PDB file of N, CA and C in Angstrom:
ATOM      1  N   MET A   1     -57.026 242.900-181.956  1.00  0.00           N
ATOM      2  CA  MET A   1     -57.017 243.328-183.341  1.00  0.00           C
ATOM      3  C   MET A   1     -58.074 242.578-184.151  1.00  0.00           C
ATOM      4  N   ALA A   2     -58.519 241.451-183.663  1.00  0.00           N
ATOM      5  CA  ALA A   2     -59.541 240.698-184.394  1.00  0.00           C
ATOM      6  C   ALA A   2     -60.824 241.520-184.544  1.00  0.00           C
ATOM      7  N   ASP A   3     -61.078 242.428-183.601  1.00  0.00           N
ATOM      8  CA  ASP A   3     -62.269 243.283-183.689  1.00  0.00           C
ATOM      9  C   ASP A   3     -62.232 244.200-184.903  1.00  0.00           C
ATOM     10  N   PHE A   4     -61.043 244.443-185.432  1.00  0.00           N
ATOM     11  CA  PHE A   4     -60.895 245.371-186.550  1.00  0.00           C
ATOM     12  C   PHE A   4     -60.845 244.664-187.899  1.00  0.00           C
ATOM     13  N   ARG A   5     -60.803 243.350-187.897  1.00  0.00           N
ATOM     14  CA  ARG A   5     -60.702 242.587-189.134  1.00  0.00           C
ATOM     15  C   ARG A   5     -61.909 242.870-190.038  1.00  0.00           C
ATOM     16  N   GLY A   6     -61.605 243.088-191.326  1.00  0.00           N
ATOM     17  CA  GLY A   6     -62.670 243.313-192.300  1.00  0.00           C
ATOM     18  C   GLY A   6     -63.159 244.750-192.369  1.00  0.00           C
ATOM     19  N   LYS A   7     -62.493 245.637-191.648  1.00  0.00           N
ATOM     20  CA  LYS A   7     -62.871 247.053-191.633  1.00  0.00           C
ATOM     21  C   LYS A   7     -61.647 247.895-191.957  1.00  0.00           C
ATOM     22  N   PRO A   8     -61.838 249.030-192.614  1.00  0.00           N
ATOM     23  CA  PRO A   8     -60.686 249.922-192.790  1.00  0.00           C
ATOM     24  C   PRO A   8     -60.252 250.462-191.428  1.00  0.00           C
ATOM     25  N   LEU A   9     -58.949 250.626-191.271  1.00  0.00           N
ATOM     26  CA  LEU A   9     -58.400 250.961-189.964  1.00  0.00           C
ATOM     27  C   LEU A   9     -57.308 252.006-190.092  1.00  0.00           C
ATOM     28  N   LEU A  10     -57.370 252.985-189.223  1.00  0.00           N
ATOM     29  CA  LEU A  10     -56.314 253.986-189.091  1.00  0.00           C
ATOM     30  C   LEU A  10     -55.613 253.721-187.764  1.00  0.00           C
ATOM     31  N   ILE A  11     -54.324 253.408-187.841  1.00  0.00           N
ATOM     32  CA  ILE A  11     -53.511 253.182-186.640  1.00  0.00           C
ATOM     33  C   ILE A  11     -52.600 254.384-186.485  1.00  0.00           C
ATOM     34  N   ASN A  12     -52.611 254.957-185.296  1.00  0.00           N
ATOM     35  CA  ASN A  12     -51.780 256.128-185.025  1.00  0.00           C
ATOM     36  C   ASN A  12     -50.867 255.823-183.846  1.00  0.00           C
ATOM     37  N   PHE A  13     -49.561 255.963-184.059  1.00  0.00           N
ATOM     38  CA  PHE A  13     -48.572 255.816-182.995  1.00  0.00           C
ATOM     39  C   PHE A  13     -48.296 257.211-182.444  1.00  0.00           C
ATOM     40  N   TRP A  14     -48.376 257.365-181.139  1.00  0.00           N
ATOM     41  CA  TRP A  14     -48.254 258.679-180.520  1.00  0.00           C
ATOM     42  C   TRP A  14     -47.654 258.540-179.124  1.00  0.00           C
ATOM     43  N   ALA A  15     -47.381 259.679-178.505  1.00  0.00           N
ATOM     44  CA  ALA A  15     -46.902 259.712-177.119  1.00  0.00           C
ATOM     45  C   ALA A  15     -47.398 261.003-176.467  1.00  0.00           C
ATOM     46  N   THR A  16     -47.557 260.973-175.177  1.00  0.00           N
ATOM     47  CA  THR A  16     -48.072 262.140-174.449  1.00  0.00           C
ATOM     48  C   THR A  16     -47.104 263.316-174.500  1.00  0.00           C
ATOM     49  N   TRP A  17     -45.814 263.051-174.631  1.00  0.00           N
ATOM     50  CA  TRP A  17     -44.782 264.092-174.634  1.00  0.00           C
ATOM     51  C   TRP A  17     -44.528 264.659-176.030  1.00  0.00           C
ATOM     52  N   CYS A  18     -45.185 264.124-177.041  1.00  0.00           N
ATOM     53  CA  CYS A  18     -44.978 264.513-178.435  1.00  0.00           C
ATOM     54  C   CYS A  18     -45.999 265.592-178.817  1.00  0.00           C
ATOM     55  N   VAL A  19     -45.531 266.831-178.978  1.00  0.00           N
ATOM     56  CA  VAL A  19     -46.432 267.966-179.243  1.00  0.00           C
ATOM     57  C   VAL A  19     -47.260 267.763-180.515  1.00  0.00           C
ATOM     58  N   PRO A  20     -46.679 267.377-181.666  1.00  0.00           N
ATOM     59  CA  PRO A  20     -47.518 267.177-182.851  1.00  0.00           C
ATOM     60  C   PRO A  20     -48.509 266.019-182.682  1.00  0.00           C
ATOM     61  N   CYS A  21     -48.130 265.017-181.882  1.00  0.00           N
ATOM     62  CA  CYS A  21     -49.049 263.906-181.607  1.00  0.00           C
ATOM     63  C   CYS A  21     -50.305 264.414-180.913  1.00  0.00           C
ATOM     64  N   VAL A  22     -50.098 265.221-179.897  1.00  0.00           N
ATOM     65  CA  VAL A  22     -51.213 265.758-179.117  1.00  0.00           C
ATOM     66  C   VAL A  22     -52.059 266.697-179.980  1.00  0.00           C
ATOM     67  N   ARG A  23     -51.401 267.505-180.823  1.00  0.00           N
ATOM     68  CA  ARG A  23     -52.142 268.429-181.704  1.00  0.00           C
ATOM     69  C   ARG A  23     -53.045 267.697-182.678  1.00  0.00           C
ATOM     70  N   GLU A  24     -52.639 266.505-183.148  1.00  0.00           N
ATOM     71  CA  GLU A  24     -53.435 265.812-184.158  1.00  0.00           C
ATOM     72  C   GLU A  24     -54.571 264.977-183.568  1.00  0.00           C
ATOM     73  N   LEU A  25     -54.602 264.762-182.275  1.00  0.00           N
ATOM     74  CA  LEU A  25     -55.645 263.924-181.674  1.00  0.00           C
ATOM     75  C   LEU A  25     -57.067 264.407-181.985  1.00  0.00           C
ATOM     76  N   PRO A  26     -57.360 265.703-181.961  1.00  0.00           N
ATOM     77  CA  PRO A  26     -58.722 266.115-182.327  1.00  0.00           C
ATOM     78  C   PRO A  26     -59.089 265.733-183.769  1.00  0.00           C
ATOM     79  N   ALA A  27     -58.141 265.792-184.689  1.00  0.00           N
ATOM     80  CA  ALA A  27     -58.412 265.389-186.079  1.00  0.00           C
ATOM     81  C   ALA A  27     -58.702 263.893-186.155  1.00  0.00           C
ATOM     82  N   LEU A  28     -57.976 263.099-185.383  1.00  0.00           N
ATOM     83  CA  LEU A  28     -58.216 261.657-185.369  1.00  0.00           C
ATOM     84  C   LEU A  28     -59.586 261.341-184.781  1.00  0.00           C
ATOM     85  N   GLN A  29     -59.949 262.039-183.706  1.00  0.00           N
ATOM     86  CA  GLN A  29     -61.268 261.831-183.099  1.00  0.00           C
ATOM     87  C   GLN A  29     -62.376 262.228-184.066  1.00  0.00           C
ATOM     88  N   ARG A  30     -62.205 263.358-184.728  1.00  0.00           N
ATOM     89  CA  ARG A  30     -63.208 263.806-185.705  1.00  0.00           C
ATOM     90  C   ARG A  30     -63.323 262.794-186.847  1.00  0.00           C
ATOM     91  N   PHE A  31     -62.189 262.314-187.336  1.00  0.00           N
ATOM     92  CA  PHE A  31     -62.212 261.343-188.422  1.00  0.00           C
ATOM     93  C   PHE A  31     -62.994 260.103-188.002  1.00  0.00           C
ATOM     94  N   GLU A  32     -62.699 259.573-186.836  1.00  0.00           N
ATOM     95  CA  GLU A  32     -63.417 258.364-186.397  1.00  0.00           C
ATOM     96  C   GLU A  32     -64.915 258.637-186.251  1.00  0.00           C
ATOM     97  N   ARG A  33     -65.255 259.741-185.648  1.00  0.00           N
ATOM     98  CA  ARG A  33     -66.666 260.084-185.437  1.00  0.00           C
ATOM     99  C   ARG A  33     -67.403 260.208-186.774  1.00  0.00           C
ATOM    100  N   GLU A  34     -66.791 260.878-187.755  1.00  0.00           N
ATOM    101  CA  GLU A  34     -67.468 261.150-189.022  1.00  0.00           C
ATOM    102  C   GLU A  34     -67.388 259.995-190.021  1.00  0.00           C
ATOM    103  N   HIS A  35     -66.504 259.032-189.791  1.00  0.00           N
ATOM    104  CA  HIS A  35     -66.368 257.919-190.741  1.00  0.00           C
ATOM    105  C   HIS A  35     -66.778 256.566-190.148  1.00  0.00           C
ATOM    106  N   ALA A  36     -67.198 256.551-188.913  1.00  0.00           N
ATOM    107  CA  ALA A  36     -67.599 255.296-188.268  1.00  0.00           C
ATOM    108  C   ALA A  36     -68.752 254.625-189.011  1.00  0.00           C
ATOM    109  N   ALA A  37     -69.668 255.403-189.528  1.00  0.00           N
ATOM    110  CA  ALA A  37     -70.813 254.832-190.250  1.00  0.00           C
ATOM    111  C   ALA A  37     -70.376 254.098-191.511  1.00  0.00           C
ATOM    112  N   ARG A  38     -69.202 254.421-192.015  1.00  0.00           N
ATOM    113  CA  ARG A  38     -68.656 253.751-193.208  1.00  0.00           C
ATOM    114  C   ARG A  38     -67.734 252.600-192.824  1.00  0.00           C
ATOM    115  N   GLY A  39     -67.743 252.248-191.547  1.00  0.00           N
ATOM    116  CA  GLY A  39     -66.977 251.098-191.083  1.00  0.00           C
ATOM    117  C   GLY A  39     -65.579 251.394-190.585  1.00  0.00           C
ATOM    118  N   TRP A  40     -65.151 252.641-190.629  1.00  0.00           N
ATOM    119  CA  TRP A  40     -63.788 252.993-190.221  1.00  0.00           C
ATOM    120  C   TRP A  40     -63.616 252.864-188.716  1.00  0.00           C
ATOM    121  N   LYS A  41     -62.436 252.410-188.345  1.00  0.00           N
ATOM    122  CA  LYS A  41     -62.011 252.364-186.948  1.00  0.00           C
ATOM    123  C   LYS A  41     -60.677 253.088-186.840  1.00  0.00           C
ATOM    124  N   VAL A  42     -60.440 253.684-185.687  1.00  0.00           N
ATOM    125  CA  VAL A  42     -59.172 254.339-185.393  1.00  0.00           C
ATOM    126  C   VAL A  42     -58.680 253.774-184.073  1.00  0.00           C
ATOM    127  N   VAL A  43     -57.399 253.479-184.013  1.00  0.00           N
ATOM    128  CA  VAL A  43     -56.802 253.063-182.747  1.00  0.00           C
ATOM    129  C   VAL A  43     -55.514 253.857-182.555  1.00  0.00           C
ATOM    130  N   ALA A  44     -55.368 254.418-181.367  1.00  0.00           N
ATOM    131  CA  ALA A  44     -54.184 255.199-181.007  1.00  0.00           C
ATOM    132  C   ALA A  44     -53.285 254.325-180.141  1.00  0.00           C
ATOM    133  N   LEU A  45     -52.104 254.007-180.665  1.00  0.00           N
ATOM    134  CA  LEU A  45     -51.149 253.170-179.933  1.00  0.00           C
ATOM    135  C   LEU A  45     -50.102 254.060-179.287  1.00  0.00           C
ATOM    136  N   ALA A  46     -50.097 254.083-177.976  1.00  0.00           N
ATOM    137  CA  ALA A  46     -49.189 254.951-177.231  1.00  0.00           C
ATOM    138  C   ALA A  46     -47.820 254.300-177.076  1.00  0.00           C
ATOM    139  N   VAL A  47     -46.816 254.987-177.585  1.00  0.00           N
ATOM    140  CA  VAL A  47     -45.418 254.574-177.422  1.00  0.00           C
ATOM    141  C   VAL A  47     -44.910 255.379-176.226  1.00  0.00           C
ATOM    142  N   ASP A  48     -45.289 254.935-175.049  1.00  0.00           N
ATOM    143  CA  ASP A  48     -45.148 255.749-173.846  1.00  0.00           C
ATOM    144  C   ASP A  48     -45.258 254.830-172.641  1.00  0.00           C
ATOM    145  N   GLN A  49     -45.221 255.400-171.465  1.00  0.00           N
ATOM    146  CA  GLN A  49     -45.391 254.665-170.217  1.00  0.00           C
ATOM    147  C   GLN A  49     -46.875 254.668-169.831  1.00  0.00           C
ATOM    148  N   PRO A  50     -47.346 253.618-169.154  1.00  0.00           N
ATOM    149  CA  PRO A  50     -48.773 253.518-168.828  1.00  0.00           C
ATOM    150  C   PRO A  50     -49.333 254.681-168.002  1.00  0.00           C
ATOM    151  N   VAL A  51     -48.636 255.109-166.953  1.00  0.00           N
ATOM    152  CA  VAL A  51     -49.194 256.143-166.065  1.00  0.00           C
ATOM    153  C   VAL A  51     -49.444 257.459-166.811  1.00  0.00           C
ATOM    154  N   PRO A  52     -48.479 257.997-167.562  1.00  0.00           N
ATOM    155  CA  PRO A  52     -48.778 259.235-168.279  1.00  0.00           C
ATOM    156  C   PRO A  52     -49.916 259.090-169.290  1.00  0.00           C
ATOM    157  N   VAL A  53     -50.009 257.928-169.925  1.00  0.00           N
ATOM    158  CA  VAL A  53     -51.083 257.716-170.906  1.00  0.00           C
ATOM    159  C   VAL A  53     -52.436 257.690-170.207  1.00  0.00           C
ATOM    160  N   LEU A  54     -52.544 256.948-169.120  1.00  0.00           N
ATOM    161  CA  LEU A  54     -53.810 256.887-168.385  1.00  0.00           C
ATOM    162  C   LEU A  54     -54.228 258.267-167.881  1.00  0.00           C
ATOM    163  N   GLU A  55     -53.281 259.025-167.359  1.00  0.00           N
ATOM    164  CA  GLU A  55     -53.590 260.375-166.885  1.00  0.00           C
ATOM    165  C   GLU A  55     -54.011 261.278-168.039  1.00  0.00           C
ATOM    166  N   PHE A  56     -53.329 261.186-169.164  1.00  0.00           N
ATOM    167  CA  PHE A  56     -53.642 262.000-170.337  1.00  0.00           C
ATOM    168  C   PHE A  56     -55.050 261.690-170.844  1.00  0.00           C
ATOM    169  N   VAL A  57     -55.359 260.398-170.999  1.00  0.00           N
ATOM    170  CA  VAL A  57     -56.674 259.980-171.498  1.00  0.00           C
ATOM    171  C   VAL A  57     -57.780 260.457-170.564  1.00  0.00           C
ATOM    172  N   ALA A  58     -57.572 260.356-169.269  1.00  0.00           N
ATOM    173  CA  ALA A  58     -58.575 260.805-168.305  1.00  0.00           C
ATOM    174  C   ALA A  58     -58.752 262.321-168.346  1.00  0.00           C
ATOM    175  N   ARG A  59     -57.653 263.046-168.444  1.00  0.00           N
ATOM    176  CA  ARG A  59     -57.716 264.510-168.425  1.00  0.00           C
ATOM    177  C   ARG A  59     -58.367 265.074-169.682  1.00  0.00           C
ATOM    178  N   PHE A  60     -58.038 264.492-170.846  1.00  0.00           N
ATOM    179  CA  PHE A  60     -58.537 265.032-172.105  1.00  0.00           C
ATOM    180  C   PHE A  60     -59.744 264.285-172.649  1.00  0.00           C
ATOM    181  N   LYS A  61     -60.211 263.285-171.920  1.00  0.00           N
ATOM    182  CA  LYS A  61     -61.424 262.552-172.265  1.00  0.00           C
ATOM    183  C   LYS A  61     -61.427 262.102-173.737  1.00  0.00           C
ATOM    184  N   LEU A  62     -60.398 261.372-174.115  1.00  0.00           N
ATOM    185  CA  LEU A  62     -60.287 260.874-175.482  1.00  0.00           C
ATOM    186  C   LEU A  62     -61.398 259.875-175.773  1.00  0.00           C
ATOM    187  N   ASP A  63     -61.997 260.010-176.939  1.00  0.00           N
ATOM    188  CA  ASP A  63     -63.029 259.081-177.379  1.00  0.00           C
ATOM    189  C   ASP A  63     -62.440 257.922-178.170  1.00  0.00           C
ATOM    190  N   LEU A  64     -61.191 258.060-178.579  1.00  0.00           N
ATOM    191  CA  LEU A  64     -60.544 257.031-179.394  1.00  0.00           C
ATOM    192  C   LEU A  64     -60.169 255.827-178.547  1.00  0.00           C
ATOM    193  N   PRO A  65     -60.185 254.649-179.163  1.00  0.00           N
ATOM    194  CA  PRO A  65     -59.597 253.515-178.468  1.00  0.00           C
ATOM    195  C   PRO A  65     -58.090 253.749-178.353  1.00  0.00           C
ATOM    196  N   VAL A  66     -57.563 253.668-177.155  1.00  0.00           N
ATOM    197  CA  VAL A  66     -56.140 253.871-176.905  1.00  0.00           C
ATOM    198  C   VAL A  66     -55.587 252.569-176.333  1.00  0.00           C
ATOM    199  N   ALA A  67     -54.471 252.138-176.895  1.00  0.00           N
ATOM    200  CA  ALA A  67     -53.803 250.939-176.406  1.00  0.00           C
ATOM    201  C   ALA A  67     -52.337 251.262-176.163  1.00  0.00           C
ATOM    202  N   MET A  68     -51.719 250.499-175.313  1.00  0.00           N
ATOM    203  CA  MET A  68     -50.309 250.694-175.008  1.00  0.00           C
ATOM    204  C   MET A  68     -49.459 249.887-175.980  1.00  0.00           C
ATOM    205  N   ALA A  69     -48.583 250.568-176.682  1.00  0.00           N
ATOM    206  CA  ALA A  69     -47.618 249.890-177.544  1.00  0.00           C
ATOM    207  C   ALA A  69     -46.271 249.828-176.844  1.00  0.00           C
ATOM    208  N   GLY A  70     -46.046 250.753-175.916  1.00  0.00           N
ATOM    209  CA  GLY A  70     -44.785 250.786-175.183  1.00  0.00           C
ATOM    210  C   GLY A  70     -43.592 250.840-176.119  1.00  0.00           C
ATOM    211  N   ILE A  71     -42.495 250.347-175.658  1.00  0.00           N
ATOM    212  CA  ILE A  71     -41.266 250.357-176.450  1.00  0.00           C
ATOM    213  C   ILE A  71     -41.388 249.443-177.665  1.00  0.00           C
ATOM    214  N   ASP A  72     -42.235 248.411-177.578  1.00  0.00           N
ATOM    215  CA  ASP A  72     -42.459 247.525-178.729  1.00  0.00           C
ATOM    216  C   ASP A  72     -43.057 248.291-179.908  1.00  0.00           C
ATOM    217  N   GLY A  73     -43.741 249.389-179.613  1.00  0.00           N
ATOM    218  CA  GLY A  73     -44.324 250.206-180.668  1.00  0.00           C
ATOM    219  C   GLY A  73     -43.299 250.724-181.649  1.00  0.00           C
ATOM    220  N   LEU A  74     -42.083 250.968-181.176  1.00  0.00           N
ATOM    221  CA  LEU A  74     -41.020 251.428-182.074  1.00  0.00           C
ATOM    222  C   LEU A  74     -40.695 250.359-183.109  1.00  0.00           C
ATOM    223  N   GLU A  75     -40.632 249.109-182.671  1.00  0.00           N
ATOM    224  CA  GLU A  75     -40.344 248.015-183.612  1.00  0.00           C
ATOM    225  C   GLU A  75     -41.523 247.787-184.554  1.00  0.00           C
ATOM    226  N   TRP A  76     -42.739 247.851-184.056  1.00  0.00           N
ATOM    227  CA  TRP A  76     -43.921 247.678-184.918  1.00  0.00           C
ATOM    228  C   TRP A  76     -43.938 248.737-186.009  1.00  0.00           C
ATOM    229  N   GLN A  77     -43.581 249.971-185.629  1.00  0.00           N
ATOM    230  CA  GLN A  77     -43.541 251.042-186.627  1.00  0.00           C
ATOM    231  C   GLN A  77     -42.538 250.726-187.726  1.00  0.00           C
ATOM    232  N   ARG A  78     -41.383 250.274-187.335  1.00  0.00           N
ATOM    233  CA  ARG A  78     -40.344 249.943-188.328  1.00  0.00           C
ATOM    234  C   ARG A  78     -40.837 248.854-189.278  1.00  0.00           C
ATOM    235  N   GLU A  79     -41.533 247.873-188.732  1.00  0.00           N
ATOM    236  CA  GLU A  79     -42.031 246.765-189.545  1.00  0.00           C
ATOM    237  C   GLU A  79     -43.072 247.209-190.570  1.00  0.00           C
ATOM    238  N   ILE A  80     -43.796 248.282-190.303  1.00  0.00           N
ATOM    239  CA  ILE A  80     -44.839 248.719-191.239  1.00  0.00           C
ATOM    240  C   ILE A  80     -44.483 250.001-191.983  1.00  0.00           C
ATOM    241  N   GLY A  81     -43.189 250.335-191.985  1.00  0.00           N
ATOM    242  CA  GLY A  81     -42.755 251.395-192.878  1.00  0.00           C
ATOM    243  C   GLY A  81     -42.258 252.682-192.271  1.00  0.00           C
ATOM    244  N   ASN A  82     -41.894 252.690-191.002  1.00  0.00           N
ATOM    245  CA  ASN A  82     -41.349 253.888-190.378  1.00  0.00           C
ATOM    246  C   ASN A  82     -39.978 253.542-189.792  1.00  0.00           C
ATOM    247  N   PRO A  83     -38.954 253.470-190.654  1.00  0.00           N
ATOM    248  CA  PRO A  83     -37.646 253.022-190.173  1.00  0.00           C
ATOM    249  C   PRO A  83     -37.026 253.914-189.104  1.00  0.00           C
ATOM    250  N   SER A  84     -37.386 255.192-189.078  1.00  0.00           N
ATOM    251  CA  SER A  84     -36.808 256.094-188.085  1.00  0.00           C
ATOM    252  C   SER A  84     -37.455 255.950-186.714  1.00  0.00           C
ATOM    253  N   GLY A  85     -38.680 255.415-186.679  1.00  0.00           N
ATOM    254  CA  GLY A  85     -39.401 255.300-185.411  1.00  0.00           C
ATOM    255  C   GLY A  85     -39.920 256.626-184.897  1.00  0.00           C
ATOM    256  N   GLY A  86     -39.933 257.665-185.756  1.00  0.00           N
ATOM    257  CA  GLY A  86     -40.409 258.982-185.349  1.00  0.00           C
ATOM    258  C   GLY A  86     -41.903 259.009-185.074  1.00  0.00           C
ATOM    259  N   LEU A  87     -42.312 260.019-184.338  1.00  0.00           N
ATOM    260  CA  LEU A  87     -43.721 260.207-183.978  1.00  0.00           C
ATOM    261  C   LEU A  87     -44.172 261.599-184.380  1.00  0.00           C
ATOM    262  N   PRO A  88     -45.448 261.769-184.617  1.00  0.00           N
ATOM    263  CA  PRO A  88     -46.483 260.753-184.766  1.00  0.00           C
ATOM    264  C   PRO A  88     -46.327 260.006-186.085  1.00  0.00           C
ATOM    265  N   PHE A  89     -46.874 258.810-186.119  1.00  0.00           N
ATOM    266  CA  PHE A  89     -46.837 257.980-187.319  1.00  0.00           C
ATOM    267  C   PHE A  89     -48.198 257.338-187.481  1.00  0.00           C
ATOM    268  N   SER A  90     -48.785 257.500-188.660  1.00  0.00           N
ATOM    269  CA  SER A  90     -50.099 256.927-188.947  1.00  0.00           C
ATOM    270  C   SER A  90     -50.012 255.970-190.118  1.00  0.00           C
ATOM    271  N   VAL A  91     -50.789 254.910-190.038  1.00  0.00           N
ATOM    272  CA  VAL A  91     -50.878 253.905-191.089  1.00  0.00           C
ATOM    273  C   VAL A  91     -52.352 253.628-191.339  1.00  0.00           C
ATOM    274  N   VAL A  92     -52.724 253.568-192.613  1.00  0.00           N
ATOM    275  CA  VAL A  92     -54.093 253.249-192.991  1.00  0.00           C
ATOM    276  C   VAL A  92     -54.099 251.879-193.645  1.00  0.00           C
ATOM    277  N   LEU A  93     -54.944 251.004-193.119  1.00  0.00           N
ATOM    278  CA  LEU A  93     -55.135 249.669-193.682  1.00  0.00           C
ATOM    279  C   LEU A  93     -56.531 249.600-194.285  1.00  0.00           C
ATOM    280  N   ASP A  94     -56.639 248.968-195.453  1.00  0.00           N
ATOM    281  CA  ASP A  94     -57.972 248.789-196.026  1.00  0.00           C
ATOM    282  C   ASP A  94     -58.650 247.595-195.348  1.00  0.00           C
ATOM    283  N   ALA A  95     -59.864 247.284-195.760  1.00  0.00           N
ATOM    284  CA  ALA A  95     -60.633 246.217-195.117  1.00  0.00           C
ATOM    285  C   ALA A  95     -59.974 244.848-195.263  1.00  0.00           C
ATOM    286  N   GLN A  96     -59.081 244.697-196.255  1.00  0.00           N
ATOM    287  CA  GLN A  96     -58.361 243.438-196.446  1.00  0.00           C
ATOM    288  C   GLN A  96     -57.042 243.407-195.662  1.00  0.00           C
ATOM    289  N   GLY A  97     -56.756 244.455-194.931  1.00  0.00           N
ATOM    290  CA  GLY A  97     -55.546 244.505-194.116  1.00  0.00           C
ATOM    291  C   GLY A  97     -54.304 244.966-194.854  1.00  0.00           C
ATOM    292  N   ARG A  98     -54.467 245.482-196.070  1.00  0.00           N
ATOM    293  CA  ARG A  98     -53.320 245.980-196.837  1.00  0.00           C
ATOM    294  C   ARG A  98     -53.005 247.412-196.424  1.00  0.00           C
ATOM    295  N   VAL A  99     -51.704 247.703-196.281  1.00  0.00           N
ATOM    296  CA  VAL A  99     -51.285 249.069-195.983  1.00  0.00           C
ATOM    297  C   VAL A  99     -51.534 249.920-197.216  1.00  0.00           C
ATOM    298  N   ARG A 100     -52.323 250.994-197.039  1.00  0.00           N
ATOM    299  CA  ARG A 100     -52.669 251.864-198.164  1.00  0.00           C
ATOM    300  C   ARG A 100     -52.037 253.245-198.066  1.00  0.00           C
ATOM    301  N   GLN A 101     -51.769 253.695-196.855  1.00  0.00           N
ATOM    302  CA  GLN A 101     -51.141 255.002-196.641  1.00  0.00           C
ATOM    303  C   GLN A 101     -50.263 254.929-195.401  1.00  0.00           C
ATOM    304  N   ARG A 102     -49.221 255.755-195.426  1.00  0.00           N
ATOM    305  CA  ARG A 102     -48.353 255.927-194.256  1.00  0.00           C
ATOM    306  C   ARG A 102     -48.062 257.415-194.142  1.00  0.00           C
ATOM    307  N   ARG A 103     -47.943 257.878-192.917  1.00  0.00           N
ATOM    308  CA  ARG A 103     -47.619 259.299-192.718  1.00  0.00           C
ATOM    309  C   ARG A 103     -46.778 259.443-191.476  1.00  0.00           C
ATOM    310  N   LEU A 104     -45.574 259.958-191.658  1.00  0.00           N
ATOM    311  CA  LEU A 104     -44.731 260.334-190.524  1.00  0.00           C
ATOM    312  C   LEU A 104     -44.914 261.827-190.340  1.00  0.00           C
ATOM    313  N   GLY A 105     -45.352 262.225-189.170  1.00  0.00           N
ATOM    314  CA  GLY A 105     -45.640 263.636-188.897  1.00  0.00           C
ATOM    315  C   GLY A 105     -47.124 263.824-188.639  1.00  0.00           C
ATOM    316  N   GLU A 106     -47.451 265.027-188.283  1.00  0.00           N
ATOM    317  CA  GLU A 106     -48.819 265.371-187.891  1.00  0.00           C
ATOM    318  C   GLU A 106     -49.798 265.221-189.052  1.00  0.00           C
ATOM    319  N   SER A 107     -50.861 264.471-188.829  1.00  0.00           N
ATOM    320  CA  SER A 107     -51.937 264.312-189.813  1.00  0.00           C
ATOM    321  C   SER A 107     -52.986 265.388-189.587  1.00  0.00           C
ATOM    322  N   HIS A 108     -53.714 265.678-190.645  1.00  0.00           N
ATOM    323  CA  HIS A 108     -54.804 266.651-190.584  1.00  0.00           C
ATOM    324  C   HIS A 108     -56.079 265.994-191.091  1.00  0.00           C
ATOM    325  N   TYR A 109     -57.211 266.460-190.592  1.00  0.00           N
ATOM    326  CA  TYR A 109     -58.483 265.830-190.929  1.00  0.00           C
ATOM    327  C   TYR A 109     -58.695 265.722-192.440  1.00  0.00           C
ATOM    328  N   ASP A 110     -58.463 266.794-193.192  1.00  0.00           N
ATOM    329  CA  ASP A 110     -58.711 266.768-194.637  1.00  0.00           C
ATOM    330  C   ASP A 110     -57.892 265.677-195.325  1.00  0.00           C
ATOM    331  N   GLU A 111     -56.672 265.501-194.901  1.00  0.00           N
ATOM    332  CA  GLU A 111     -55.817 264.461-195.463  1.00  0.00           C
ATOM    333  C   GLU A 111     -56.389 263.072-195.154  1.00  0.00           C
ATOM    334  N   LEU A 112     -56.810 262.856-193.934  1.00  0.00           N
ATOM    335  CA  LEU A 112     -57.381 261.572-193.539  1.00  0.00           C
ATOM    336  C   LEU A 112     -58.653 261.283-194.321  1.00  0.00           C
ATOM    337  N   ALA A 113     -59.503 262.289-194.469  1.00  0.00           N
ATOM    338  CA  ALA A 113     -60.749 262.119-195.226  1.00  0.00           C
ATOM    339  C   ALA A 113     -60.459 261.799-196.694  1.00  0.00           C
ATOM    340  N   GLN A 114     -59.438 262.423-197.243  1.00  0.00           N
ATOM    341  CA  GLN A 114     -59.054 262.150-198.634  1.00  0.00           C
ATOM    342  C   GLN A 114     -58.585 260.701-198.776  1.00  0.00           C
ATOM    343  N   TRP A 115     -57.799 260.220-197.839  1.00  0.00           N
ATOM    344  CA  TRP A 115     -57.355 258.825-197.873  1.00  0.00           C
ATOM    345  C   TRP A 115     -58.550 257.884-197.836  1.00  0.00           C
ATOM    346  N   ALA A 116     -59.507 258.171-196.954  1.00  0.00           N
ATOM    347  CA  ALA A 116     -60.694 257.320-196.843  1.00  0.00           C
ATOM    348  C   ALA A 116     -61.464 257.300-198.155  1.00  0.00           C
ATOM    349  N   ALA A 117     -61.595 258.445-198.800  1.00  0.00           N
ATOM    350  CA  ALA A 117     -62.308 258.519-200.078  1.00  0.00           C
ATOM    351  C   ALA A 117     -61.578 257.708-201.152  1.00  0.00           C
ATOM    352  N   GLN A 118     -60.257 257.778-201.174  1.00  0.00           N
ATOM    353  CA  GLN A 118     -59.483 257.014-202.155  1.00  0.00           C
ATOM    354  C   GLN A 118     -59.663 255.519-201.949  1.00  0.00           C
ATOM    355  N   ILE A 119     -59.664 255.093-200.719  1.00  0.00           N
ATOM    356  CA  ILE A 119     -59.831 253.673-200.414  1.00  0.00           C
ATOM    357  C   ILE A 119     -61.244 253.222-200.781  1.00  0.00           C
ATOM    358  N   ALA A 120     -62.229 254.063-200.545  1.00  0.00           N
ATOM    359  CA  ALA A 120     -63.619 253.720-200.873  1.00  0.00           C
ATOM    360  C   ALA A 120     -63.804 253.548-202.381  1.00  0.00           C
ATOM    361  N   GLN A 121     -63.024 254.259-203.172  1.00  0.00           N
ATOM    362  CA  GLN A 121     -63.154 254.206-204.625  1.00  0.00           C
ATOM    363  C   GLN A 121     -62.343 253.094-205.266  1.00  0.00           C
ATOM    364  N   SER A 122     -61.416 252.501-204.535  1.00  0.00           N
ATOM    365  CA  SER A 122     -60.563 251.467-205.147  1.00  0.00           C
ATOM    366  C   SER A 122     -61.000 250.092-204.705  1.00  0.00           C
ATOM    367  N   PRO A 123     -60.672 249.100-205.534  1.00  0.00           N
ATOM    368  CA  PRO A 123     -61.067 247.704-205.189  1.00  0.00           C
ATOM    369  C   PRO A 123     -60.257 247.130-204.061  1.00  0.00           C
TER     370      PRO A 123
END
């Protein structure tokens, strides 16, 4: 996580078996690709088992950084504002590490871009 310090960050909790999670992955990839020049990073934390995640990433050639959150991901989600532990769950942190947005459910590119614009305009 030290690699992300000082940069705005979108963290997405997902699983291979979660249909809305899989549907939103192209929007997350597009967001990272189009906002990387502005310092944005995206990390997809899989709340899943390693083998299905590795197979999924290889099959769909994800460009996003993917890390394993495993069952601990459920507790991390609760700590940052998702008491139900539902998926998908996205959190946006500004460059100072403050939580600026949370979303339980499928995210869409336009929504993510709007969040980035709001963060860029605020101190």
